[in-house]
């Protein structure tokens, strides 16, 4: 396994662990990384009801609050609850704007198909 794959696997494992703290039915974990160091982790959490449904506080936003994110990367992990396989964790449009605003340079997130991740440059 290449060094890059070891790095990705390492940080996805951290995000996978962070997601276990979520009380949401769909659990998402995020890890902010600069260089080879984890700066902060986050997970999605319930928010206040919005209109008739409810909404969540996204893991990406929670992981980036109150820290210097300039030039950092974020790893986002979502897993199927029954099959324990990675699922699509692409940041929504609002989170993409937020990540850009706080200085994140790239988001690495899980997808359903091999190699189970994609990289998004934040511009």
PDB file of N, CA and C in Angstrom:
ATOM      1  N   UNK A   1       0.854  -1.189   0.000  1.00  0.00           N
ATOM      2  CA  UNK A   1       0.000   0.000   0.000  1.00  0.00           C
ATOM      3  C   UNK A   1       0.889   1.239   0.000  1.00  0.00           C
ATOM      4  N   UNK A   2       0.545   2.196  -0.805  1.00  0.00           N
ATOM      5  CA  UNK A   2       1.360   3.399  -0.926  1.00  0.00           C
ATOM      6  C   UNK A   2       1.249   4.262   0.335  1.00  0.00           C
ATOM      7  N   UNK A   3       2.208   5.156   0.472  1.00  0.00           N
ATOM      8  CA  UNK A   3       2.215   6.078   1.608  1.00  0.00           C
ATOM      9  C   UNK A   3       0.958   6.936   1.613  1.00  0.00           C
ATOM     10  N   UNK A   4       0.533   7.402   0.424  1.00  0.00           N
ATOM     11  CA  UNK A   4      -0.663   8.235   0.331  1.00  0.00           C
ATOM     12  C   UNK A   4      -1.904   7.469   0.799  1.00  0.00           C
ATOM     13  N   UNK A   5      -2.012   6.198   0.401  1.00  0.00           N
ATOM     14  CA  UNK A   5      -3.156   5.378   0.832  1.00  0.00           C
ATOM     15  C   UNK A   5      -3.097   5.130   2.336  1.00  0.00           C
ATOM     16  N   UNK A   6      -1.910   4.924   2.897  1.00  0.00           N
ATOM     17  CA  UNK A   6      -1.776   4.762   4.350  1.00  0.00           C
ATOM     18  C   UNK A   6      -2.268   6.009   5.066  1.00  0.00           C
ATOM     19  N   UNK A   7      -1.912   7.162   4.542  1.00  0.00           N
ATOM     20  CA  UNK A   7      -2.319   8.444   5.127  1.00  0.00           C
ATOM     21  C   UNK A   7      -3.841   8.586   5.092  1.00  0.00           C
ATOM     22  N   UNK A   8      -4.429   8.324   3.921  1.00  0.00           N
ATOM     23  CA  UNK A   8      -5.876   8.434   3.772  1.00  0.00           C
ATOM     24  C   UNK A   8      -6.582   7.461   4.704  1.00  0.00           C
ATOM     25  N   UNK A   9      -6.107   6.231   4.739  1.00  0.00           N
ATOM     26  CA  UNK A   9      -6.711   5.222   5.615  1.00  0.00           C
ATOM     27  C   UNK A   9      -6.605   5.640   7.087  1.00  0.00           C
ATOM     28  N   UNK A  10      -5.464   6.175   7.467  1.00  0.00           N
ATOM     29  CA  UNK A  10      -5.265   6.615   8.859  1.00  0.00           C
ATOM     30  C   UNK A  10      -6.285   7.689   9.261  1.00  0.00           C
ATOM     31  N   UNK A  11      -6.449   8.697   8.412  1.00  0.00           N
ATOM     32  CA  UNK A  11      -7.345   9.789   8.763  1.00  0.00           C
ATOM     33  C   UNK A  11      -8.814   9.402   8.621  1.00  0.00           C
ATOM     34  N   UNK A  12      -9.136   8.510   7.679  1.00  0.00           N
ATOM     35  CA  UNK A  12     -10.508   7.995   7.620  1.00  0.00           C
ATOM     36  C   UNK A  12     -10.825   7.177   8.867  1.00  0.00           C
ATOM     37  N   UNK A  13      -9.852   6.444   9.382  1.00  0.00           N
ATOM     38  CA  UNK A  13     -10.076   5.697  10.633  1.00  0.00           C
ATOM     39  C   UNK A  13     -10.382   6.649  11.787  1.00  0.00           C
ATOM     40  N   UNK A  14      -9.698   7.783  11.812  1.00  0.00           N
ATOM     41  CA  UNK A  14      -9.972   8.799  12.851  1.00  0.00           C
ATOM     42  C   UNK A  14     -11.392   9.365  12.682  1.00  0.00           C
ATOM     43  N   UNK A  15     -11.762   9.676  11.442  1.00  0.00           N
ATOM     44  CA  UNK A  15     -13.108  10.218  11.177  1.00  0.00           C
ATOM     45  C   UNK A  15     -14.166   9.159  11.470  1.00  0.00           C
ATOM     46  N   UNK A  16     -13.854   7.914  11.150  1.00  0.00           N
ATOM     47  CA  UNK A  16     -14.787   6.807  11.435  1.00  0.00           C
ATOM     48  C   UNK A  16     -15.035   6.697  12.936  1.00  0.00           C
ATOM     49  N   UNK A  17     -13.982   6.826  13.709  1.00  0.00           N
ATOM     50  CA  UNK A  17     -14.116   6.788  15.178  1.00  0.00           C
ATOM     51  C   UNK A  17     -14.923   7.977  15.685  1.00  0.00           C
ATOM     52  N   UNK A  18     -14.675   9.168  15.129  1.00  0.00           N
ATOM     53  CA  UNK A  18     -15.388  10.374  15.562  1.00  0.00           C
ATOM     54  C   UNK A  18     -16.882  10.242  15.320  1.00  0.00           C
ATOM     55  N   UNK A  19     -17.275   9.610  14.213  1.00  0.00           N
ATOM     56  CA  UNK A  19     -18.694   9.488  13.874  1.00  0.00           C
ATOM     57  C   UNK A  19     -19.461   8.657  14.889  1.00  0.00           C
ATOM     58  N   UNK A  20     -18.781   7.805  15.622  1.00  0.00           N
ATOM     59  CA  UNK A  20     -19.450   6.969  16.620  1.00  0.00           C
ATOM     60  C   UNK A  20     -20.058   7.792  17.755  1.00  0.00           C
ATOM     61  N   UNK A  21     -19.613   9.031  17.914  1.00  0.00           N
ATOM     62  CA  UNK A  21     -20.165   9.920  18.942  1.00  0.00           C
ATOM     63  C   UNK A  21     -21.513  10.518  18.547  1.00  0.00           C
ATOM     64  N   UNK A  22     -21.853  10.429  17.270  1.00  0.00           N
ATOM     65  CA  UNK A  22     -23.096  11.023  16.781  1.00  0.00           C
ATOM     66  C   UNK A  22     -24.318  10.266  17.301  1.00  0.00           C
ATOM     67  N   UNK A  23     -25.358  11.030  17.613  1.00  0.00           N
ATOM     68  CA  UNK A  23     -26.637  10.446  18.032  1.00  0.00           C
ATOM     69  C   UNK A  23     -27.629  10.402  16.873  1.00  0.00           C
ATOM     70  N   UNK A  24     -27.182  10.790  15.688  1.00  0.00           N
ATOM     71  CA  UNK A  24     -28.035  10.836  14.515  1.00  0.00           C
ATOM     72  C   UNK A  24     -28.167   9.437  13.900  1.00  0.00           C
ATOM     73  N   UNK A  25     -29.288   9.163  13.203  1.00  0.00           N
ATOM     74  CA  UNK A  25     -29.424   7.870  12.522  1.00  0.00           C
ATOM     75  C   UNK A  25     -28.347   7.670  11.441  1.00  0.00           C
ATOM     76  N   UNK A  26     -28.018   8.735  10.725  1.00  0.00           N
ATOM     77  CA  UNK A  26     -26.926   8.703   9.758  1.00  0.00           C
ATOM     78  C   UNK A  26     -25.749   9.399  10.418  1.00  0.00           C
ATOM     79  N   UNK A  27     -24.687   8.645  10.654  1.00  0.00           N
ATOM     80  CA  UNK A  27     -23.542   9.154  11.401  1.00  0.00           C
ATOM     81  C   UNK A  27     -22.407   9.560  10.461  1.00  0.00           C
ATOM     82  N   UNK A  28     -21.924  10.788  10.655  1.00  0.00           N
ATOM     83  CA  UNK A  28     -20.839  11.324   9.834  1.00  0.00           C
ATOM     84  C   UNK A  28     -19.755  11.851  10.765  1.00  0.00           C
ATOM     85  N   UNK A  29     -18.508  11.520  10.440  1.00  0.00           N
ATOM     86  CA  UNK A  29     -17.369  12.019  11.203  1.00  0.00           C
ATOM     87  C   UNK A  29     -16.447  12.819  10.304  1.00  0.00           C
ATOM     88  N   UNK A  30     -15.751  13.792  10.871  1.00  0.00           N
ATOM     89  CA  UNK A  30     -14.823  14.628  10.107  1.00  0.00           C
ATOM     90  C   UNK A  30     -13.564  14.877  10.925  1.00  0.00           C
ATOM     91  N   UNK A  31     -12.443  14.968  10.224  1.00  0.00           N
ATOM     92  CA  UNK A  31     -11.149  15.218  10.857  1.00  0.00           C
ATOM     93  C   UNK A  31     -10.436  16.305  10.069  1.00  0.00           C
ATOM     94  N   UNK A  32      -9.998  17.354  10.753  1.00  0.00           N
ATOM     95  CA  UNK A  32      -9.217  18.422  10.133  1.00  0.00           C
ATOM     96  C   UNK A  32      -7.745  18.083  10.343  1.00  0.00           C
ATOM     97  N   UNK A  33      -6.979  18.110   9.235  1.00  0.00           N
ATOM     98  CA  UNK A  33      -5.572  17.690   9.261  1.00  0.00           C
ATOM     99  C   UNK A  33      -4.706  18.770   8.622  1.00  0.00           C
ATOM    100  N   UNK A  34      -3.591  19.067   9.276  1.00  0.00           N
ATOM    101  CA  UNK A  34      -2.570  19.937   8.679  1.00  0.00           C
ATOM    102  C   UNK A  34      -1.268  19.155   8.730  1.00  0.00           C
ATOM    103  N   UNK A  35      -0.670  18.965   7.562  1.00  0.00           N
ATOM    104  CA  UNK A  35       0.539  18.131   7.486  1.00  0.00           C
ATOM    105  C   UNK A  35       0.164  16.700   7.820  1.00  0.00           C
ATOM    106  N   UNK A  36       0.753  16.163   8.877  1.00  0.00           N
ATOM    107  CA  UNK A  36       0.411  14.800   9.299  1.00  0.00           C
ATOM    108  C   UNK A  36      -0.232  14.802  10.681  1.00  0.00           C
ATOM    109  N   UNK A  37      -0.720  15.979  11.085  1.00  0.00           N
ATOM    110  CA  UNK A  37      -1.266  16.137  12.439  1.00  0.00           C
ATOM    111  C   UNK A  37      -2.765  16.410  12.408  1.00  0.00           C
ATOM    112  N   UNK A  38      -3.502  15.669  13.227  1.00  0.00           N
ATOM    113  CA  UNK A  38      -4.936  15.930  13.392  1.00  0.00           C
ATOM    114  C   UNK A  38      -5.085  17.164  14.272  1.00  0.00           C
ATOM    115  N   UNK A  39      -5.820  18.145  13.771  1.00  0.00           N
ATOM    116  CA  UNK A  39      -6.048  19.380  14.524  1.00  0.00           C
ATOM    117  C   UNK A  39      -7.312  19.263  15.369  1.00  0.00           C
ATOM    118  N   UNK A  40      -8.377  18.734  14.761  1.00  0.00           N
ATOM    119  CA  UNK A  40      -9.654  18.633  15.463  1.00  0.00           C
ATOM    120  C   UNK A  40     -10.547  17.631  14.765  1.00  0.00           C
ATOM    121  N   UNK A  41     -11.422  16.993  15.529  1.00  0.00           N
ATOM    122  CA  UNK A  41     -12.412  16.082  14.965  1.00  0.00           C
ATOM    123  C   UNK A  41     -13.810  16.633  15.236  1.00  0.00           C
ATOM    124  N   UNK A  42     -14.771  16.121  14.486  1.00  0.00           N
ATOM    125  CA  UNK A  42     -16.161  16.520  14.693  1.00  0.00           C
ATOM    126  C   UNK A  42     -17.091  15.443  14.168  1.00  0.00           C
ATOM    127  N   UNK A  43     -18.336  15.539  14.544  1.00  0.00           N
ATOM    128  CA  UNK A  43     -19.361  14.599  14.087  1.00  0.00           C
ATOM    129  C   UNK A  43     -20.674  15.349  13.985  1.00  0.00           C
ATOM    130  N   UNK A  44     -21.610  14.796  13.193  1.00  0.00           N
ATOM    131  CA  UNK A  44     -22.898  15.472  13.055  1.00  0.00           C
ATOM    132  C   UNK A  44     -23.717  15.293  14.325  1.00  0.00           C
ATOM    133  N   UNK A  45     -24.537  16.271  14.601  1.00  0.00           N
ATOM    134  CA  UNK A  45     -25.337  16.272  15.828  1.00  0.00           C
ATOM    135  C   UNK A  45     -26.713  16.855  15.531  1.00  0.00           C
ATOM    136  N   UNK A  46     -27.699  16.491  16.341  1.00  0.00           N
ATOM    137  CA  UNK A  46     -29.043  17.040  16.110  1.00  0.00           C
ATOM    138  C   UNK A  46     -29.068  18.547  16.321  1.00  0.00           C
ATOM    139  N   UNK A  47     -29.848  19.201  15.496  1.00  0.00           N
ATOM    140  CA  UNK A  47     -30.077  20.629  15.656  1.00  0.00           C
ATOM    141  C   UNK A  47     -31.494  20.849  16.137  1.00  0.00           C
ATOM    142  N   UNK A  48     -31.907  22.086  16.185  1.00  0.00           N
ATOM    143  CA  UNK A  48     -33.286  22.388  16.557  1.00  0.00           C
ATOM    144  C   UNK A  48     -34.201  22.087  15.377  1.00  0.00           C
ATOM    145  N   UNK A  49     -35.439  21.701  15.638  1.00  0.00           N
ATOM    146  CA  UNK A  49     -36.366  21.441  14.530  1.00  0.00           C
ATOM    147  C   UNK A  49     -36.494  22.656  13.613  1.00  0.00           C
ATOM    148  N   UNK A  50     -36.513  22.402  12.338  1.00  0.00           N
ATOM    149  CA  UNK A  50     -36.633  23.456  11.340  1.00  0.00           C
ATOM    150  C   UNK A  50     -37.886  23.153  10.525  1.00  0.00           C
ATOM    151  N   UNK A  51     -38.878  23.986  10.629  1.00  0.00           N
ATOM    152  CA  UNK A  51     -40.177  23.783   9.990  1.00  0.00           C
ATOM    153  C   UNK A  51     -40.782  22.465  10.489  1.00  0.00           C
ATOM    154  N   UNK A  52     -41.130  21.544   9.607  1.00  0.00           N
ATOM    155  CA  UNK A  52     -41.770  20.304  10.036  1.00  0.00           C
ATOM    156  C   UNK A  52     -40.764  19.199  10.327  1.00  0.00           C
ATOM    157  N   UNK A  53     -39.599  19.259   9.736  1.00  0.00           N
ATOM    158  CA  UNK A  53     -38.599  18.221   9.956  1.00  0.00           C
ATOM    159  C   UNK A  53     -37.579  18.667  10.976  1.00  0.00           C
ATOM    160  N   UNK A  54     -36.455  17.995  10.971  1.00  0.00           N
ATOM    161  CA  UNK A  54     -35.366  18.439  11.821  1.00  0.00           C
ATOM    162  C   UNK A  54     -34.118  18.497  10.954  1.00  0.00           C
ATOM    163  N   UNK A  55     -33.096  19.127  11.436  1.00  0.00           N
ATOM    164  CA  UNK A  55     -31.864  19.253  10.687  1.00  0.00           C
ATOM    165  C   UNK A  55     -30.700  18.906  11.595  1.00  0.00           C
ATOM    166  N   UNK A  56     -29.557  18.731  11.002  1.00  0.00           N
ATOM    167  CA  UNK A  56     -28.396  18.391  11.820  1.00  0.00           C
ATOM    168  C   UNK A  56     -27.325  19.458  11.670  1.00  0.00           C
ATOM    169  N   UNK A  57     -26.469  19.510  12.645  1.00  0.00           N
ATOM    170  CA  UNK A  57     -25.272  20.334  12.567  1.00  0.00           C
ATOM    171  C   UNK A  57     -24.223  19.449  11.914  1.00  0.00           C
ATOM    172  N   UNK A  58     -23.753  19.844  10.760  1.00  0.00           N
ATOM    173  CA  UNK A  58     -22.876  18.986   9.964  1.00  0.00           C
ATOM    174  C   UNK A  58     -21.499  18.824  10.589  1.00  0.00           C
ATOM    175  N   UNK A  59     -20.950  17.631  10.425  1.00  0.00           N
ATOM    176  CA  UNK A  59     -19.648  17.278  10.990  1.00  0.00           C
ATOM    177  C   UNK A  59     -18.546  18.207  10.498  1.00  0.00           C
ATOM    178  N   UNK A  60     -18.622  18.605   9.222  1.00  0.00           N
ATOM    179  CA  UNK A  60     -17.594  19.471   8.657  1.00  0.00           C
ATOM    180  C   UNK A  60     -17.531  20.815   9.377  1.00  0.00           C
ATOM    181  N   UNK A  61     -18.691  21.377   9.673  1.00  0.00           N
ATOM    182  CA  UNK A  61     -18.742  22.674  10.354  1.00  0.00           C
ATOM    183  C   UNK A  61     -18.264  22.515  11.794  1.00  0.00           C
ATOM    184  N   UNK A  62     -18.755  21.506  12.476  1.00  0.00           N
ATOM    185  CA  UNK A  62     -18.356  21.300  13.876  1.00  0.00           C
ATOM    186  C   UNK A  62     -16.857  21.062  14.023  1.00  0.00           C
ATOM    187  N   UNK A  63     -16.252  20.384  13.045  1.00  0.00           N
ATOM    188  CA  UNK A  63     -14.813  20.100  13.120  1.00  0.00           C
ATOM    189  C   UNK A  63     -13.957  21.335  12.862  1.00  0.00           C
ATOM    190  N   UNK A  64     -14.515  22.342  12.209  1.00  0.00           N
ATOM    191  CA  UNK A  64     -13.722  23.516  11.827  1.00  0.00           C
ATOM    192  C   UNK A  64     -13.972  24.746  12.694  1.00  0.00           C
ATOM    193  N   UNK A  65     -14.863  24.659  13.650  1.00  0.00           N
ATOM    194  CA  UNK A  65     -15.163  25.820  14.499  1.00  0.00           C
ATOM    195  C   UNK A  65     -14.033  26.115  15.483  1.00  0.00           C
ATOM    196  N   UNK A  66     -13.748  27.401  15.659  1.00  0.00           N
ATOM    197  CA  UNK A  66     -12.836  27.900  16.690  1.00  0.00           C
ATOM    198  C   UNK A  66     -11.398  27.414  16.578  1.00  0.00           C
ATOM    199  N   UNK A  67     -10.937  27.141  15.352  1.00  0.00           N
ATOM    200  CA  UNK A  67      -9.533  26.777  15.133  1.00  0.00           C
ATOM    201  C   UNK A  67      -9.039  27.462  13.859  1.00  0.00           C
ATOM    202  N   UNK A  68      -7.715  27.504  13.684  1.00  0.00           N
ATOM    203  CA  UNK A  68      -7.127  28.029  12.454  1.00  0.00           C
ATOM    204  C   UNK A  68      -7.096  26.900  11.433  1.00  0.00           C
ATOM    205  N   UNK A  69      -7.920  26.987  10.400  1.00  0.00           N
ATOM    206  CA  UNK A  69      -8.027  25.954   9.375  1.00  0.00           C
ATOM    207  C   UNK A  69      -7.234  26.277   8.114  1.00  0.00           C
ATOM    208  N   UNK A  70      -6.560  27.410   8.073  1.00  0.00           N
ATOM    209  CA  UNK A  70      -5.915  27.867   6.841  1.00  0.00           C
ATOM    210  C   UNK A  70      -4.946  26.811   6.297  1.00  0.00           C
ATOM    211  N   UNK A  71      -5.208  26.375   5.059  1.00  0.00           N
ATOM    212  CA  UNK A  71      -4.333  25.417   4.392  1.00  0.00           C
ATOM    213  C   UNK A  71      -4.499  23.975   4.826  1.00  0.00           C
ATOM    214  N   UNK A  72      -5.470  23.700   5.676  1.00  0.00           N
ATOM    215  CA  UNK A  72      -5.674  22.342   6.171  1.00  0.00           C
ATOM    216  C   UNK A  72      -6.567  21.540   5.219  1.00  0.00           C
ATOM    217  N   UNK A  73      -6.595  20.243   5.432  1.00  0.00           N
ATOM    218  CA  UNK A  73      -7.474  19.329   4.700  1.00  0.00           C
ATOM    219  C   UNK A  73      -8.498  18.784   5.680  1.00  0.00           C
ATOM    220  N   UNK A  74      -9.639  18.323   5.146  1.00  0.00           N
ATOM    221  CA  UNK A  74     -10.646  17.702   5.995  1.00  0.00           C
ATOM    222  C   UNK A  74     -11.007  16.341   5.408  1.00  0.00           C
ATOM    223  N   UNK A  75     -11.059  15.344   6.249  1.00  0.00           N
ATOM    224  CA  UNK A  75     -11.460  13.992   5.874  1.00  0.00           C
ATOM    225  C   UNK A  75     -12.847  13.752   6.447  1.00  0.00           C
ATOM    226  N   UNK A  76     -13.777  13.307   5.590  1.00  0.00           N
ATOM    227  CA  UNK A  76     -15.172  13.136   6.005  1.00  0.00           C
ATOM    228  C   UNK A  76     -15.585  11.696   5.743  1.00  0.00           C
ATOM    229  N   UNK A  77     -16.104  11.039   6.772  1.00  0.00           N
ATOM    230  CA  UNK A  77     -16.441   9.611   6.687  1.00  0.00           C
ATOM    231  C   UNK A  77     -17.899   9.388   7.035  1.00  0.00           C
ATOM    232  N   UNK A  78     -18.580   8.638   6.169  1.00  0.00           N
ATOM    233  CA  UNK A  78     -19.961   8.219   6.414  1.00  0.00           C
ATOM    234  C   UNK A  78     -20.034   6.736   6.098  1.00  0.00           C
ATOM    235  N   UNK A  79     -20.707   5.983   6.951  1.00  0.00           N
ATOM    236  CA  UNK A  79     -20.757   4.535   6.793  1.00  0.00           C
ATOM    237  C   UNK A  79     -22.191   4.036   6.832  1.00  0.00           C
ATOM    238  N   UNK A  80     -22.486   3.036   6.005  1.00  0.00           N
ATOM    239  CA  UNK A  80     -23.803   2.404   6.005  1.00  0.00           C
ATOM    240  C   UNK A  80     -23.984   1.695   7.347  1.00  0.00           C
ATOM    241  N   UNK A  81     -25.077   1.981   8.045  1.00  0.00           N
ATOM    242  CA  UNK A  81     -25.311   1.432   9.364  1.00  0.00           C
ATOM    243  C   UNK A  81     -25.424  -0.080   9.414  1.00  0.00           C
ATOM    244  N   UNK A  82     -26.011  -0.685   8.398  1.00  0.00           N
ATOM    245  CA  UNK A  82     -26.224  -2.129   8.389  1.00  0.00           C
ATOM    246  C   UNK A  82     -25.032  -2.890   7.818  1.00  0.00           C
ATOM    247  N   UNK A  83     -24.526  -2.422   6.684  1.00  0.00           N
ATOM    248  CA  UNK A  83     -23.473  -3.158   5.988  1.00  0.00           C
ATOM    249  C   UNK A  83     -22.064  -2.732   6.367  1.00  0.00           C
ATOM    250  N   UNK A  84     -21.936  -1.639   7.099  1.00  0.00           N
ATOM    251  CA  UNK A  84     -20.632  -1.122   7.532  1.00  0.00           C
ATOM    252  C   UNK A  84     -19.690  -0.807   6.376  1.00  0.00           C
ATOM    253  N   UNK A  85     -20.255  -0.396   5.236  1.00  0.00           N
ATOM    254  CA  UNK A  85     -19.437  -0.013   4.091  1.00  0.00           C
ATOM    255  C   UNK A  85     -19.515   1.508   3.908  1.00  0.00           C
ATOM    256  N   UNK A  86     -18.452   2.114   3.358  1.00  0.00           N
ATOM    257  CA  UNK A  86     -18.468   3.573   3.166  1.00  0.00           C
ATOM    258  C   UNK A  86     -19.608   4.016   2.255  1.00  0.00           C
ATOM    259  N   UNK A  87     -20.120   5.197   2.538  1.00  0.00           N
ATOM    260  CA  UNK A  87     -21.187   5.798   1.737  1.00  0.00           C
ATOM    261  C   UNK A  87     -20.765   7.213   1.338  1.00  0.00           C
ATOM    262  N   UNK A  88     -21.522   7.809   0.426  1.00  0.00           N
ATOM    263  CA  UNK A  88     -21.218   9.150  -0.053  1.00  0.00           C
ATOM    264  C   UNK A  88     -21.266  10.160   1.095  1.00  0.00           C
ATOM    265  N   UNK A  89     -20.161  10.871   1.282  1.00  0.00           N
ATOM    266  CA  UNK A  89     -20.065  11.892   2.334  1.00  0.00           C
ATOM    267  C   UNK A  89     -19.623  13.229   1.752  1.00  0.00           C
ATOM    268  N   UNK A  90     -19.943  13.463   0.491  1.00  0.00           N
ATOM    269  CA  UNK A  90     -19.554  14.713  -0.181  1.00  0.00           C
ATOM    270  C   UNK A  90     -20.186  15.894   0.553  1.00  0.00           C
ATOM    271  N   UNK A  91     -19.393  16.927   0.862  1.00  0.00           N
ATOM    272  CA  UNK A  91     -19.957  18.088   1.545  1.00  0.00           C
ATOM    273  C   UNK A  91     -21.066  18.739   0.727  1.00  0.00           C
ATOM    274  N   UNK A  92     -22.140  19.143   1.384  1.00  0.00           N
ATOM    275  CA  UNK A  92     -23.230  19.839   0.711  1.00  0.00           C
ATOM    276  C   UNK A  92     -22.732  21.222   0.269  1.00  0.00           C
ATOM    277  N   UNK A  93     -23.518  21.921  -0.529  1.00  0.00           N
ATOM    278  CA  UNK A  93     -23.119  23.236  -1.036  1.00  0.00           C
ATOM    279  C   UNK A  93     -22.838  24.232   0.086  1.00  0.00           C
ATOM    280  N   UNK A  94     -23.651  24.198   1.134  1.00  0.00           N
ATOM    281  CA  UNK A  94     -23.434  25.117   2.262  1.00  0.00           C
ATOM    282  C   UNK A  94     -22.113  24.806   2.954  1.00  0.00           C
ATOM    283  N   UNK A  95     -21.821  23.515   3.144  1.00  0.00           N
ATOM    284  CA  UNK A  95     -20.561  23.138   3.790  1.00  0.00           C
ATOM    285  C   UNK A  95     -19.365  23.475   2.907  1.00  0.00           C
ATOM    286  N   UNK A  96     -19.510  23.325   1.593  1.00  0.00           N
ATOM    287  CA  UNK A  96     -18.423  23.702   0.693  1.00  0.00           C
ATOM    288  C   UNK A  96     -18.100  25.188   0.829  1.00  0.00           C
ATOM    289  N   UNK A  97     -19.136  26.010   0.884  1.00  0.00           N
ATOM    290  CA  UNK A  97     -18.924  27.453   1.076  1.00  0.00           C
ATOM    291  C   UNK A  97     -18.273  27.736   2.425  1.00  0.00           C
ATOM    292  N   UNK A  98     -18.720  27.042   3.449  1.00  0.00           N
ATOM    293  CA  UNK A  98     -18.153  27.213   4.788  1.00  0.00           C
ATOM    294  C   UNK A  98     -16.682  26.812   4.784  1.00  0.00           C
ATOM    295  N   UNK A  99     -16.354  25.669   4.191  1.00  0.00           N
ATOM    296  CA  UNK A  99     -14.968  25.195   4.167  1.00  0.00           C
ATOM    297  C   UNK A  99     -14.066  26.187   3.447  1.00  0.00           C
ATOM    298  N   UNK A 100     -14.567  26.757   2.375  1.00  0.00           N
ATOM    299  CA  UNK A 100     -13.818  27.790   1.651  1.00  0.00           C
ATOM    300  C   UNK A 100     -13.606  29.008   2.553  1.00  0.00           C
ATOM    301  N   UNK A 101     -14.660  29.437   3.229  1.00  0.00           N
ATOM    302  CA  UNK A 101     -14.603  30.611   4.108  1.00  0.00           C
ATOM    303  C   UNK A 101     -13.573  30.441   5.224  1.00  0.00           C
ATOM    304  N   UNK A 102     -13.476  29.242   5.805  1.00  0.00           N
ATOM    305  CA  UNK A 102     -12.562  29.030   6.937  1.00  0.00           C
ATOM    306  C   UNK A 102     -11.157  28.622   6.509  1.00  0.00           C
ATOM    307  N   UNK A 103     -10.911  28.464   5.188  1.00  0.00           N
ATOM    308  CA  UNK A 103      -9.548  28.233   4.709  1.00  0.00           C
ATOM    309  C   UNK A 103      -9.148  26.793   4.456  1.00  0.00           C
ATOM    310  N   UNK A 104     -10.105  25.871   4.447  1.00  0.00           N
ATOM    311  CA  UNK A 104      -9.782  24.477   4.123  1.00  0.00           C
ATOM    312  C   UNK A 104      -9.407  24.404   2.644  1.00  0.00           C
ATOM    313  N   UNK A 105      -8.320  23.697   2.307  1.00  0.00           N
ATOM    314  CA  UNK A 105      -7.873  23.632   0.911  1.00  0.00           C
ATOM    315  C   UNK A 105      -8.443  22.444   0.155  1.00  0.00           C
ATOM    316  N   UNK A 106      -8.754  21.336   0.845  1.00  0.00           N
ATOM    317  CA  UNK A 106      -9.315  20.174   0.166  1.00  0.00           C
ATOM    318  C   UNK A 106     -10.140  19.336   1.128  1.00  0.00           C
ATOM    319  N   UNK A 107     -11.135  18.665   0.555  1.00  0.00           N
ATOM    320  CA  UNK A 107     -11.967  17.734   1.315  1.00  0.00           C
ATOM    321  C   UNK A 107     -11.789  16.354   0.700  1.00  0.00           C
ATOM    322  N   UNK A 108     -11.473  15.381   1.528  1.00  0.00           N
ATOM    323  CA  UNK A 108     -11.355  13.995   1.103  1.00  0.00           C
ATOM    324  C   UNK A 108     -12.524  13.282   1.764  1.00  0.00           C
ATOM    325  N   UNK A 109     -13.412  12.704   0.963  1.00  0.00           N
ATOM    326  CA  UNK A 109     -14.640  12.152   1.523  1.00  0.00           C
ATOM    327  C   UNK A 109     -14.913  10.755   0.965  1.00  0.00           C
ATOM    328  N   UNK A 110     -15.668   9.989   1.709  1.00  0.00           N
ATOM    329  CA  UNK A 110     -15.976   8.629   1.292  1.00  0.00           C
ATOM    330  C   UNK A 110     -17.022   8.611   0.187  1.00  0.00           C
ATOM    331  N   UNK A 111     -16.921   7.569  -0.653  1.00  0.00           N
ATOM    332  CA  UNK A 111     -17.906   7.266  -1.692  1.00  0.00           C
ATOM    333  C   UNK A 111     -18.225   5.775  -1.597  1.00  0.00           C
ATOM    334  N   UNK A 112     -19.233   5.327  -2.332  1.00  0.00           N
ATOM    335  CA  UNK A 112     -19.677   3.937  -2.236  1.00  0.00           C
ATOM    336  C   UNK A 112     -18.790   2.946  -2.984  1.00  0.00           C
ATOM    337  N   UNK A 113     -18.105   3.387  -4.021  1.00  0.00           N
ATOM    338  CA  UNK A 113     -17.361   2.485  -4.885  1.00  0.00           C
ATOM    339  C   UNK A 113     -15.859   2.589  -4.666  1.00  0.00           C
ATOM    340  N   UNK A 114     -15.165   1.493  -5.001  1.00  0.00           N
ATOM    341  CA  UNK A 114     -13.718   1.461  -4.878  1.00  0.00           C
ATOM    342  C   UNK A 114     -13.117   2.600  -5.680  1.00  0.00           C
ATOM    343  N   UNK A 115     -12.165   3.339  -5.201  1.00  0.00           N
ATOM    344  CA  UNK A 115     -11.344   3.155  -4.004  1.00  0.00           C
ATOM    345  C   UNK A 115     -11.967   3.727  -2.727  1.00  0.00           C
ATOM    346  N   UNK A 116     -13.261   4.012  -2.732  1.00  0.00           N
ATOM    347  CA  UNK A 116     -14.043   4.439  -1.567  1.00  0.00           C
ATOM    348  C   UNK A 116     -13.757   5.858  -1.093  1.00  0.00           C
ATOM    349  N   UNK A 117     -13.076   6.664  -1.904  1.00  0.00           N
ATOM    350  CA  UNK A 117     -12.899   8.068  -1.539  1.00  0.00           C
ATOM    351  C   UNK A 117     -12.700   8.911  -2.792  1.00  0.00           C
ATOM    352  N   UNK A 118     -13.000  10.199  -2.653  1.00  0.00           N
ATOM    353  CA  UNK A 118     -12.712  11.199  -3.692  1.00  0.00           C
ATOM    354  C   UNK A 118     -12.116  12.413  -3.009  1.00  0.00           C
ATOM    355  N   UNK A 119     -11.394  13.203  -3.795  1.00  0.00           N
ATOM    356  CA  UNK A 119     -10.774  14.426  -3.300  1.00  0.00           C
ATOM    357  C   UNK A 119     -11.406  15.612  -4.015  1.00  0.00           C
ATOM    358  N   UNK A 120     -11.808  16.604  -3.233  1.00  0.00           N
ATOM    359  CA  UNK A 120     -12.396  17.824  -3.777  1.00  0.00           C
ATOM    360  C   UNK A 120     -11.512  19.006  -3.374  1.00  0.00           C
ATOM    361  N   UNK A 121     -11.016  19.720  -4.358  1.00  0.00           N
ATOM    362  CA  UNK A 121     -10.280  20.941  -4.072  1.00  0.00           C
ATOM    363  C   UNK A 121     -11.292  22.022  -3.735  1.00  0.00           C
ATOM    364  N   UNK A 122     -11.069  22.725  -2.634  1.00  0.00           N
ATOM    365  CA  UNK A 122     -11.982  23.783  -2.210  1.00  0.00           C
ATOM    366  C   UNK A 122     -11.494  25.097  -2.809  1.00  0.00           C
ATOM    367  N   UNK A 123     -12.336  25.674  -3.681  1.00  0.00           N
ATOM    368  CA  UNK A 123     -11.966  26.951  -4.349  1.00  0.00           C
ATOM    369  C   UNK A 123     -13.036  27.969  -4.084  1.00  0.00           C
TER     370      UNK A 123
END
